[in-house]
Amino acid sequence: MAITYNWTVSTTEYDTATGGITIIHWRCNGIDDTTGTTGSSYGTTSHQPDPDAAGFIPYADVTEADAIGWAQAQLDVAAVEQAVANRIDEQDNPTVSSGTPWAA
């Protein structure tokens, strides 16, 4: 099973006084390249940017790639992607099902 992952940021929260992003709402989407089955994981990360630090990027100049990098720096990326892969695998190879056998 080969899965392509795509990380996105749906929104951020920031300090209006400093322009520093304090919360990142991220999502990791995956698609099985063979079956087309999809799965995703969503979460948030908290940040305490220092506007006086070298490399500080104010809100207006932050790119999605910056925000994804900051979020991923706080996450176990491999574990998040494995959780997405597990969701996809469970859809392709269910271990639990439901129904009423008498109605079959």
PDB file of N, CA and C in Angstrom:
ATOM      1  N   MET A   1       0.858  -1.173   0.000  1.00  0.00           N
ATOM      2  CA  MET A   1       0.000   0.000   0.000  1.00  0.00           C
ATOM      3  C   MET A   1       0.901   1.232   0.000  1.00  0.00           C
ATOM      4  N   ALA A   2       0.876   1.966  -1.084  1.00  0.00           N
ATOM      5  CA  ALA A   2       1.624   3.223  -1.184  1.00  0.00           C
ATOM      6  C   ALA A   2       0.656   4.371  -0.938  1.00  0.00           C
ATOM      7  N   ILE A   3       0.999   5.207   0.019  1.00  0.00           N
ATOM      8  CA  ILE A   3       0.109   6.307   0.392  1.00  0.00           C
ATOM      9  C   ILE A   3       0.815   7.635   0.140  1.00  0.00           C
ATOM     10  N   THR A   4       0.094   8.564  -0.440  1.00  0.00           N
ATOM     11  CA  THR A   4       0.568   9.926  -0.616  1.00  0.00           C
ATOM     12  C   THR A   4      -0.061  10.780   0.477  1.00  0.00           C
ATOM     13  N   TYR A   5       0.781  11.510   1.204  1.00  0.00           N
ATOM     14  CA  TYR A   5       0.312  12.358   2.302  1.00  0.00           C
ATOM     15  C   TYR A   5       0.359  13.817   1.888  1.00  0.00           C
ATOM     16  N   ASN A   6      -0.630  14.568   2.345  1.00  0.00           N
ATOM     17  CA  ASN A   6      -0.689  16.001   2.081  1.00  0.00           C
ATOM     18  C   ASN A   6      -1.033  16.713   3.389  1.00  0.00           C
ATOM     19  N   TRP A   7      -0.117  17.548   3.843  1.00  0.00           N
ATOM     20  CA  TRP A   7      -0.331  18.318   5.077  1.00  0.00           C
ATOM     21  C   TRP A   7      -0.857  19.698   4.711  1.00  0.00           C
ATOM     22  N   THR A   8      -1.875  20.140   5.444  1.00  0.00           N
ATOM     23  CA  THR A   8      -2.446  21.471   5.226  1.00  0.00           C
ATOM     24  C   THR A   8      -2.708  22.146   6.568  1.00  0.00           C
ATOM     25  N   VAL A   9      -2.939  23.442   6.508  1.00  0.00           N
ATOM     26  CA  VAL A   9      -3.324  24.212   7.689  1.00  0.00           C
ATOM     27  C   VAL A   9      -4.655  24.875   7.358  1.00  0.00           C
ATOM     28  N   SER A  10      -5.673  24.587   8.185  1.00  0.00           N
ATOM     29  CA  SER A  10      -6.996  25.156   7.918  1.00  0.00           C
ATOM     30  C   SER A  10      -7.114  26.574   8.450  1.00  0.00           C
ATOM     31  N   THR A  11      -6.461  26.850   9.570  1.00  0.00           N
ATOM     32  CA  THR A  11      -6.468  28.202  10.118  1.00  0.00           C
ATOM     33  C   THR A  11      -5.391  28.319  11.184  1.00  0.00           C
ATOM     34  N   THR A  12      -5.110  29.539  11.552  1.00  0.00           N
ATOM     35  CA  THR A  12      -4.174  29.807  12.643  1.00  0.00           C
ATOM     36  C   THR A  12      -4.808  30.829  13.579  1.00  0.00           C
ATOM     37  N   GLU A  13      -4.270  30.896  14.775  1.00  0.00           N
ATOM     38  CA  GLU A  13      -4.654  31.944  15.716  1.00  0.00           C
ATOM     39  C   GLU A  13      -3.372  32.690  16.049  1.00  0.00           C
ATOM     40  N   TYR A  14      -3.486  34.012  16.195  1.00  0.00           N
ATOM     41  CA  TYR A  14      -2.271  34.799  16.411  1.00  0.00           C
ATOM     42  C   TYR A  14      -2.511  35.938  17.378  1.00  0.00           C
ATOM     43  N   ASP A  15      -1.421  36.397  17.951  1.00  0.00           N
ATOM     44  CA  ASP A  15      -1.422  37.525  18.886  1.00  0.00           C
ATOM     45  C   ASP A  15      -1.444  38.803  18.048  1.00  0.00           C
ATOM     46  N   THR A  16      -2.500  39.580  18.176  1.00  0.00           N
ATOM     47  CA  THR A  16      -2.619  40.791  17.347  1.00  0.00           C
ATOM     48  C   THR A  16      -1.575  41.848  17.703  1.00  0.00           C
ATOM     49  N   ALA A  17      -1.063  41.810  18.913  1.00  0.00           N
ATOM     50  CA  ALA A  17      -0.055  42.801  19.318  1.00  0.00           C
ATOM     51  C   ALA A  17       1.311  42.512  18.706  1.00  0.00           C
ATOM     52  N   THR A  18       1.672  41.221  18.642  1.00  0.00           N
ATOM     53  CA  THR A  18       3.016  40.869  18.153  1.00  0.00           C
ATOM     54  C   THR A  18       3.012  40.307  16.745  1.00  0.00           C
ATOM     55  N   GLY A  19       1.877  39.792  16.290  1.00  0.00           N
ATOM     56  CA  GLY A  19       1.823  39.146  14.983  1.00  0.00           C
ATOM     57  C   GLY A  19       2.342  37.724  15.012  1.00  0.00           C
ATOM     58  N   GLY A  20       2.563  37.183  16.202  1.00  0.00           N
ATOM     59  CA  GLY A  20       3.067  35.816  16.320  1.00  0.00           C
ATOM     60  C   GLY A  20       1.942  34.801  16.336  1.00  0.00           C
ATOM     61  N   ILE A  21       2.090  33.755  15.545  1.00  0.00           N
ATOM     62  CA  ILE A  21       1.089  32.694  15.502  1.00  0.00           C
ATOM     63  C   ILE A  21       1.216  31.848  16.765  1.00  0.00           C
ATOM     64  N   THR A  22       0.080  31.669  17.449  1.00  0.00           N
ATOM     65  CA  THR A  22       0.078  30.945  18.717  1.00  0.00           C
ATOM     66  C   THR A  22      -0.562  29.561  18.626  1.00  0.00           C
ATOM     67  N   ILE A  23      -1.458  29.355  17.671  1.00  0.00           N
ATOM     68  CA  ILE A  23      -2.094  28.048  17.489  1.00  0.00           C
ATOM     69  C   ILE A  23      -2.200  27.754  15.992  1.00  0.00           C
ATOM     70  N   ILE A  24      -1.853  26.526  15.644  1.00  0.00           N
ATOM     71  CA  ILE A  24      -1.953  26.074  14.252  1.00  0.00           C
ATOM     72  C   ILE A  24      -2.911  24.887  14.212  1.00  0.00           C
ATOM     73  N   HIS A  25      -3.935  24.985  13.372  1.00  0.00           N
ATOM     74  CA  HIS A  25      -4.889  23.905  13.147  1.00  0.00           C
ATOM     75  C   HIS A  25      -4.446  23.184  11.876  1.00  0.00           C
ATOM     76  N   TRP A  26      -3.923  21.973  12.031  1.00  0.00           N
ATOM     77  CA  TRP A  26      -3.348  21.238  10.906  1.00  0.00           C
ATOM     78  C   TRP A  26      -4.175  20.007  10.557  1.00  0.00           C
ATOM     79  N   ARG A  27      -3.963  19.514   9.356  1.00  0.00           N
ATOM     80  CA  ARG A  27      -4.597  18.267   8.909  1.00  0.00           C
ATOM     81  C   ARG A  27      -3.599  17.511   8.034  1.00  0.00           C
ATOM     82  N   CYS A  28      -3.562  16.210   8.251  1.00  0.00           N
ATOM     83  CA  CYS A  28      -2.768  15.324   7.397  1.00  0.00           C
ATOM     84  C   CYS A  28      -3.747  14.426   6.657  1.00  0.00           C
ATOM     85  N   ASN A  29      -3.805  14.576   5.337  1.00  0.00           N
ATOM     86  CA  ASN A  29      -4.659  13.750   4.488  1.00  0.00           C
ATOM     87  C   ASN A  29      -3.792  12.718   3.796  1.00  0.00           C
ATOM     88  N   GLY A  30      -4.333  11.526   3.634  1.00  0.00           N
ATOM     89  CA  GLY A  30      -3.617  10.478   2.911  1.00  0.00           C
ATOM     90  C   GLY A  30      -4.534   9.830   1.899  1.00  0.00           C
ATOM     91  N   ILE A  31      -3.945   9.382   0.791  1.00  0.00           N
ATOM     92  CA  ILE A  31      -4.698   8.643  -0.216  1.00  0.00           C
ATOM     93  C   ILE A  31      -3.860   7.453  -0.666  1.00  0.00           C
ATOM     94  N   ASP A  32      -4.493   6.282  -0.670  1.00  0.00           N
ATOM     95  CA  ASP A  32      -3.833   5.076  -1.149  1.00  0.00           C
ATOM     96  C   ASP A  32      -3.745   5.198  -2.671  1.00  0.00           C
ATOM     97  N   ASP A  33      -2.541   5.163  -3.186  1.00  0.00           N
ATOM     98  CA  ASP A  33      -2.326   5.372  -4.614  1.00  0.00           C
ATOM     99  C   ASP A  33      -2.915   4.255  -5.473  1.00  0.00           C
ATOM    100  N   THR A  34      -3.194   3.097  -4.882  1.00  0.00           N
ATOM    101  CA  THR A  34      -3.748   1.969  -5.631  1.00  0.00           C
ATOM    102  C   THR A  34      -5.264   1.939  -5.568  1.00  0.00           C
ATOM    103  N   THR A  35      -5.818   2.063  -4.361  1.00  0.00           N
ATOM    104  CA  THR A  35      -7.274   1.910  -4.194  1.00  0.00           C
ATOM    105  C   THR A  35      -8.036   3.226  -4.230  1.00  0.00           C
ATOM    106  N   GLY A  36      -7.335   4.337  -3.977  1.00  0.00           N
ATOM    107  CA  GLY A  36      -8.005   5.632  -3.913  1.00  0.00           C
ATOM    108  C   GLY A  36      -8.662   5.899  -2.572  1.00  0.00           C
ATOM    109  N   THR A  37      -8.507   4.991  -1.627  1.00  0.00           N
ATOM    110  CA  THR A  37      -9.089   5.156  -0.299  1.00  0.00           C
ATOM    111  C   THR A  37      -8.367   6.276   0.426  1.00  0.00           C
ATOM    112  N   THR A  38      -9.142   7.089   1.159  1.00  0.00           N
ATOM    113  CA  THR A  38      -8.561   8.228   1.855  1.00  0.00           C
ATOM    114  C   THR A  38      -8.731   8.110   3.367  1.00  0.00           C
ATOM    115  N   GLY A  39      -7.889   8.828   4.067  1.00  0.00           N
ATOM    116  CA  GLY A  39      -7.973   8.932   5.513  1.00  0.00           C
ATOM    117  C   GLY A  39      -7.340  10.242   5.927  1.00  0.00           C
ATOM    118  N   SER A  40      -7.620  10.686   7.152  1.00  0.00           N
ATOM    119  CA  SER A  40      -7.027  11.946   7.589  1.00  0.00           C
ATOM    120  C   SER A  40      -6.901  11.986   9.103  1.00  0.00           C
ATOM    121  N   SER A  41      -6.113  12.929   9.549  1.00  0.00           N
ATOM    122  CA  SER A  41      -5.943  13.207  10.969  1.00  0.00           C
ATOM    123  C   SER A  41      -5.912  14.717  11.121  1.00  0.00           C
ATOM    124  N   TYR A  42      -6.522  15.209  12.191  1.00  0.00           N
ATOM    125  CA  TYR A  42      -6.607  16.649  12.441  1.00  0.00           C
ATOM    126  C   TYR A  42      -6.130  16.927  13.855  1.00  0.00           C
ATOM    127  N   GLY A  43      -5.477  18.069  14.034  1.00  0.00           N
ATOM    128  CA  GLY A  43      -5.056  18.452  15.373  1.00  0.00           C
ATOM    129  C   GLY A  43      -4.627  19.902  15.425  1.00  0.00           C
ATOM    130  N   THR A  44      -4.184  20.303  16.599  1.00  0.00           N
ATOM    131  CA  THR A  44      -3.675  21.653  16.791  1.00  0.00           C
ATOM    132  C   THR A  44      -2.341  21.584  17.529  1.00  0.00           C
ATOM    133  N   THR A  45      -1.535  22.584  17.314  1.00  0.00           N
ATOM    134  CA  THR A  45      -0.298  22.745  18.073  1.00  0.00           C
ATOM    135  C   THR A  45      -0.273  24.159  18.628  1.00  0.00           C
ATOM    136  N   SER A  46       0.310  24.301  19.811  1.00  0.00           N
ATOM    137  CA  SER A  46       0.423  25.613  20.458  1.00  0.00           C
ATOM    138  C   SER A  46       1.852  26.120  20.322  1.00  0.00           C
ATOM    139  N   HIS A  47       1.979  27.424  20.139  1.00  0.00           N
ATOM    140  CA  HIS A  47       3.289  28.033  19.918  1.00  0.00           C
ATOM    141  C   HIS A  47       3.411  29.312  20.742  1.00  0.00           C
ATOM    142  N   GLN A  48       4.634  29.632  21.116  1.00  0.00           N
ATOM    143  CA  GLN A  48       4.908  30.861  21.858  1.00  0.00           C
ATOM    144  C   GLN A  48       6.025  31.614  21.141  1.00  0.00           C
ATOM    145  N   PRO A  49       5.703  32.239  20.014  1.00  0.00           N
ATOM    146  CA  PRO A  49       6.733  32.928  19.245  1.00  0.00           C
ATOM    147  C   PRO A  49       7.273  34.158  19.973  1.00  0.00           C
ATOM    148  N   ASP A  50       8.544  34.379  19.809  1.00  0.00           N
ATOM    149  CA  ASP A  50       9.210  35.534  20.413  1.00  0.00           C
ATOM    150  C   ASP A  50       9.483  36.554  19.309  1.00  0.00           C
ATOM    151  N   PRO A  51       8.772  37.673  19.303  1.00  0.00           N
ATOM    152  CA  PRO A  51       8.951  38.659  18.230  1.00  0.00           C
ATOM    153  C   PRO A  51      10.345  39.279  18.202  1.00  0.00           C
ATOM    154  N   ASP A  52      11.113  39.116  19.287  1.00  0.00           N
ATOM    155  CA  ASP A  52      12.470  39.654  19.325  1.00  0.00           C
ATOM    156  C   ASP A  52      13.523  38.641  18.870  1.00  0.00           C
ATOM    157  N   ALA A  53      13.111  37.419  18.622  1.00  0.00           N
ATOM    158  CA  ALA A  53      14.053  36.369  18.232  1.00  0.00           C
ATOM    159  C   ALA A  53      14.421  36.493  16.755  1.00  0.00           C
ATOM    160  N   ALA A  54      15.647  36.121  16.456  1.00  0.00           N
ATOM    161  CA  ALA A  54      16.083  36.080  15.058  1.00  0.00           C
ATOM    162  C   ALA A  54      15.225  35.053  14.330  1.00  0.00           C
ATOM    163  N   GLY A  55      14.814  35.350  13.137  1.00  0.00           N
ATOM    164  CA  GLY A  55      14.004  34.429  12.354  1.00  0.00           C
ATOM    165  C   GLY A  55      12.513  34.527  12.609  1.00  0.00           C
ATOM    166  N   PHE A  56      12.086  35.412  13.510  1.00  0.00           N
ATOM    167  CA  PHE A  56      10.655  35.594  13.760  1.00  0.00           C
ATOM    168  C   PHE A  56       9.970  36.026  12.472  1.00  0.00           C
ATOM    169  N   ILE A  57       8.837  35.407  12.179  1.00  0.00           N
ATOM    170  CA  ILE A  57       8.066  35.768  10.980  1.00  0.00           C
ATOM    171  C   ILE A  57       6.709  36.275  11.452  1.00  0.00           C
ATOM    172  N   PRO A  58       6.387  37.537  11.173  1.00  0.00           N
ATOM    173  CA  PRO A  58       5.084  38.067  11.583  1.00  0.00           C
ATOM    174  C   PRO A  58       3.950  37.451  10.761  1.00  0.00           C
ATOM    175  N   TYR A  59       2.787  37.445  11.356  1.00  0.00           N
ATOM    176  CA  TYR A  59       1.603  36.836  10.759  1.00  0.00           C
ATOM    177  C   TYR A  59       1.449  37.131   9.264  1.00  0.00           C
ATOM    178  N   ALA A  60       1.559  38.365   8.880  1.00  0.00           N
ATOM    179  CA  ALA A  60       1.316  38.760   7.490  1.00  0.00           C
ATOM    180  C   ALA A  60       2.298  38.123   6.508  1.00  0.00           C
ATOM    181  N   ASP A  61       3.433  37.650   7.001  1.00  0.00           N
ATOM    182  CA  ASP A  61       4.463  37.090   6.127  1.00  0.00           C
ATOM    183  C   ASP A  61       4.588  35.572   6.217  1.00  0.00           C
ATOM    184  N   VAL A  62       3.793  34.944   7.057  1.00  0.00           N
ATOM    185  CA  VAL A  62       3.873  33.494   7.240  1.00  0.00           C
ATOM    186  C   VAL A  62       3.257  32.787   6.034  1.00  0.00           C
ATOM    187  N   THR A  63       3.940  31.753   5.542  1.00  0.00           N
ATOM    188  CA  THR A  63       3.388  30.920   4.468  1.00  0.00           C
ATOM    189  C   THR A  63       2.819  29.643   5.073  1.00  0.00           C
ATOM    190  N   GLU A  64       2.011  28.949   4.294  1.00  0.00           N
ATOM    191  CA  GLU A  64       1.491  27.678   4.783  1.00  0.00           C
ATOM    192  C   GLU A  64       2.639  26.707   5.061  1.00  0.00           C
ATOM    193  N   ALA A  65       3.665  26.739   4.228  1.00  0.00           N
ATOM    194  CA  ALA A  65       4.826  25.871   4.450  1.00  0.00           C
ATOM    195  C   ALA A  65       5.491  26.174   5.794  1.00  0.00           C
ATOM    196  N   ASP A  66       5.581  27.463   6.160  1.00  0.00           N
ATOM    197  CA  ASP A  66       6.132  27.827   7.478  1.00  0.00           C
ATOM    198  C   ASP A  66       5.301  27.191   8.583  1.00  0.00           C
ATOM    199  N   ALA A  67       3.981  27.373   8.501  1.00  0.00           N
ATOM    200  CA  ALA A  67       3.085  26.884   9.547  1.00  0.00           C
ATOM    201  C   ALA A  67       3.123  25.357   9.637  1.00  0.00           C
ATOM    202  N   ILE A  68       3.151  24.684   8.499  1.00  0.00           N
ATOM    203  CA  ILE A  68       3.243  23.218   8.503  1.00  0.00           C
ATOM    204  C   ILE A  68       4.549  22.789   9.174  1.00  0.00           C
ATOM    205  N   GLY A  69       5.636  23.453   8.842  1.00  0.00           N
ATOM    206  CA  GLY A  69       6.924  23.130   9.446  1.00  0.00           C
ATOM    207  C   GLY A  69       6.915  23.318  10.950  1.00  0.00           C
ATOM    208  N   TRP A  70       6.308  24.402  11.428  1.00  0.00           N
ATOM    209  CA  TRP A  70       6.232  24.651  12.877  1.00  0.00           C
ATOM    210  C   TRP A  70       5.385  23.589  13.566  1.00  0.00           C
ATOM    211  N   ALA A  71       4.257  23.238  12.943  1.00  0.00           N
ATOM    212  CA  ALA A  71       3.396  22.214  13.528  1.00  0.00           C
ATOM    213  C   ALA A  71       4.122  20.866  13.555  1.00  0.00           C
ATOM    214  N   GLN A  72       4.717  20.488  12.430  1.00  0.00           N
ATOM    215  CA  GLN A  72       5.397  19.198  12.350  1.00  0.00           C
ATOM    216  C   GLN A  72       6.571  19.110  13.324  1.00  0.00           C
ATOM    217  N   ALA A  73       7.195  20.237  13.622  1.00  0.00           N
ATOM    218  CA  ALA A  73       8.316  20.239  14.565  1.00  0.00           C
ATOM    219  C   ALA A  73       7.868  19.813  15.963  1.00  0.00           C
ATOM    220  N   GLN A  74       6.576  19.951  16.245  1.00  0.00           N
ATOM    221  CA  GLN A  74       6.041  19.573  17.559  1.00  0.00           C
ATOM    222  C   GLN A  74       5.361  18.206  17.538  1.00  0.00           C
ATOM    223  N   LEU A  75       5.290  17.596  16.380  1.00  0.00           N
ATOM    224  CA  LEU A  75       4.568  16.335  16.239  1.00  0.00           C
ATOM    225  C   LEU A  75       5.516  15.188  15.913  1.00  0.00           C
ATOM    226  N   ASP A  76       5.053  13.982  16.167  1.00  0.00           N
ATOM    227  CA  ASP A  76       5.720  12.796  15.661  1.00  0.00           C
ATOM    228  C   ASP A  76       5.076  12.527  14.297  1.00  0.00           C
ATOM    229  N   VAL A  77       5.674  13.096  13.262  1.00  0.00           N
ATOM    230  CA  VAL A  77       5.097  13.045  11.912  1.00  0.00           C
ATOM    231  C   VAL A  77       4.881  11.601  11.471  1.00  0.00           C
ATOM    232  N   ALA A  78       5.855  10.734  11.738  1.00  0.00           N
ATOM    233  CA  ALA A  78       5.717   9.328  11.339  1.00  0.00           C
ATOM    234  C   ALA A  78       4.512   8.685  12.017  1.00  0.00           C
ATOM    235  N   ALA A  79       4.267   9.010  13.283  1.00  0.00           N
ATOM    236  CA  ALA A  79       3.128   8.444  14.005  1.00  0.00           C
ATOM    237  C   ALA A  79       1.804   8.969  13.447  1.00  0.00           C
ATOM    238  N   VAL A  80       1.756  10.248  13.109  1.00  0.00           N
ATOM    239  CA  VAL A  80       0.532  10.818  12.523  1.00  0.00           C
ATOM    240  C   VAL A  80       0.242  10.144  11.185  1.00  0.00           C
ATOM    241  N   GLU A  81       1.266  10.019  10.348  1.00  0.00           N
ATOM    242  CA  GLU A  81       1.070   9.405   9.040  1.00  0.00           C
ATOM    243  C   GLU A  81       0.721   7.923   9.176  1.00  0.00           C
ATOM    244  N   GLN A  82       1.281   7.242  10.173  1.00  0.00           N
ATOM    245  CA  GLN A  82       0.933   5.834  10.404  1.00  0.00           C
ATOM    246  C   GLN A  82      -0.518   5.709  10.831  1.00  0.00           C
ATOM    247  N   ALA A  83      -1.016   6.636  11.639  1.00  0.00           N
ATOM    248  CA  ALA A  83      -2.420   6.619  12.048  1.00  0.00           C
ATOM    249  C   ALA A  83      -3.331   6.791  10.828  1.00  0.00           C
ATOM    250  N   VAL A  84      -2.942   7.659   9.908  1.00  0.00           N
ATOM    251  CA  VAL A  84      -3.713   7.843   8.675  1.00  0.00           C
ATOM    252  C   VAL A  84      -3.676   6.553   7.851  1.00  0.00           C
ATOM    253  N   ALA A  85      -2.506   5.949   7.741  1.00  0.00           N
ATOM    254  CA  ALA A  85      -2.371   4.686   7.000  1.00  0.00           C
ATOM    255  C   ALA A  85      -3.237   3.601   7.619  1.00  0.00           C
ATOM    256  N   ASN A  86      -3.292   3.554   8.955  1.00  0.00           N
ATOM    257  CA  ASN A  86      -4.129   2.564   9.640  1.00  0.00           C
ATOM    258  C   ASN A  86      -5.603   2.777   9.327  1.00  0.00           C
ATOM    259  N   ARG A  87      -6.042   4.035   9.259  1.00  0.00           N
ATOM    260  CA  ARG A  87      -7.446   4.334   8.920  1.00  0.00           C
ATOM    261  C   ARG A  87      -7.765   3.857   7.500  1.00  0.00           C
ATOM    262  N   ILE A  88      -6.822   4.112   6.601  1.00  0.00           N
ATOM    263  CA  ILE A  88      -7.015   3.679   5.209  1.00  0.00           C
ATOM    264  C   ILE A  88      -7.069   2.159   5.137  1.00  0.00           C
ATOM    265  N   ASP A  89      -6.147   1.487   5.823  1.00  0.00           N
ATOM    266  CA  ASP A  89      -6.101   0.026   5.804  1.00  0.00           C
ATOM    267  C   ASP A  89      -7.379  -0.562   6.386  1.00  0.00           C
ATOM    268  N   GLU A  90      -7.896   0.036   7.457  1.00  0.00           N
ATOM    269  CA  GLU A  90      -9.131  -0.462   8.066  1.00  0.00           C
ATOM    270  C   GLU A  90     -10.315  -0.341   7.101  1.00  0.00           C
ATOM    271  N   GLN A  91     -10.315   0.694   6.281  1.00  0.00           N
ATOM    272  CA  GLN A  91     -11.390   0.826   5.288  1.00  0.00           C
ATOM    273  C   GLN A  91     -11.250  -0.214   4.183  1.00  0.00           C
ATOM    274  N   ASP A  92     -10.001  -0.457   3.763  1.00  0.00           N
ATOM    275  CA  ASP A  92      -9.767  -1.421   2.683  1.00  0.00           C
ATOM    276  C   ASP A  92      -9.892  -2.871   3.163  1.00  0.00           C
ATOM    277  N   ASN A  93      -9.589  -3.095   4.449  1.00  0.00           N
ATOM    278  CA  ASN A  93      -9.591  -4.447   5.017  1.00  0.00           C
ATOM    279  C   ASN A  93     -10.263  -4.410   6.389  1.00  0.00           C
ATOM    280  N   PRO A  94     -11.578  -4.214   6.428  1.00  0.00           N
ATOM    281  CA  PRO A  94     -12.260  -4.029   7.714  1.00  0.00           C
ATOM    282  C   PRO A  94     -12.108  -5.243   8.633  1.00  0.00           C
ATOM    283  N   THR A  95     -11.902  -4.953   9.907  1.00  0.00           N
ATOM    284  CA  THR A  95     -11.823  -5.994  10.925  1.00  0.00           C
ATOM    285  C   THR A  95     -13.121  -6.075  11.722  1.00  0.00           C
ATOM    286  N   VAL A  96     -14.000  -5.121  11.532  1.00  0.00           N
ATOM    287  CA  VAL A  96     -15.301  -5.086  12.206  1.00  0.00           C
ATOM    288  C   VAL A  96     -16.350  -4.749  11.163  1.00  0.00           C
ATOM    289  N   SER A  97     -17.477  -5.394  11.263  1.00  0.00           N
ATOM    290  CA  SER A  97     -18.578  -5.123  10.353  1.00  0.00           C
ATOM    291  C   SER A  97     -19.866  -5.132  11.157  1.00  0.00           C
ATOM    292  N   SER A  98     -20.965  -4.814  10.523  1.00  0.00           N
ATOM    293  CA  SER A  98     -22.257  -4.801  11.211  1.00  0.00           C
ATOM    294  C   SER A  98     -23.322  -5.324  10.281  1.00  0.00           C
ATOM    295  N   GLY A  99     -24.433  -5.630  10.840  1.00  0.00           N
ATOM    296  CA  GLY A  99     -25.541  -6.114  10.039  1.00  0.00           C
ATOM    297  C   GLY A  99     -26.498  -6.947  10.864  1.00  0.00           C
ATOM    298  N   THR A 100     -27.473  -7.503  10.204  1.00  0.00           N
ATOM    299  CA  THR A 100     -28.432  -8.403  10.826  1.00  0.00           C
ATOM    300  C   THR A 100     -28.432  -9.689  10.000  1.00  0.00           C
ATOM    301  N   PRO A 101     -27.831 -10.762  10.520  1.00  0.00           N
ATOM    302  CA  PRO A 101     -27.670 -11.965   9.718  1.00  0.00           C
ATOM    303  C   PRO A 101     -28.988 -12.572   9.269  1.00  0.00           C
ATOM    304  N   TRP A 102     -30.055 -12.369  10.008  1.00  0.00           N
ATOM    305  CA  TRP A 102     -31.348 -12.925   9.633  1.00  0.00           C
ATOM    306  C   TRP A 102     -31.998 -12.208   8.463  1.00  0.00           C
ATOM    307  N   ALA A 103     -31.469 -11.013   8.120  1.00  0.00           N
ATOM    308  CA  ALA A 103     -32.047 -10.256   7.026  1.00  0.00           C
ATOM    309  C   ALA A 103     -31.263 -10.438   5.732  1.00  0.00           C
ATOM    310  N   ALA A 104     -30.242 -11.260   5.775  1.00  0.00           N
ATOM    311  CA  ALA A 104     -29.384 -11.419   4.582  1.00  0.00           C
ATOM    312  C   ALA A 104     -30.032 -12.241   3.517  1.00  0.00           C
TER     313      ALA A 104
END
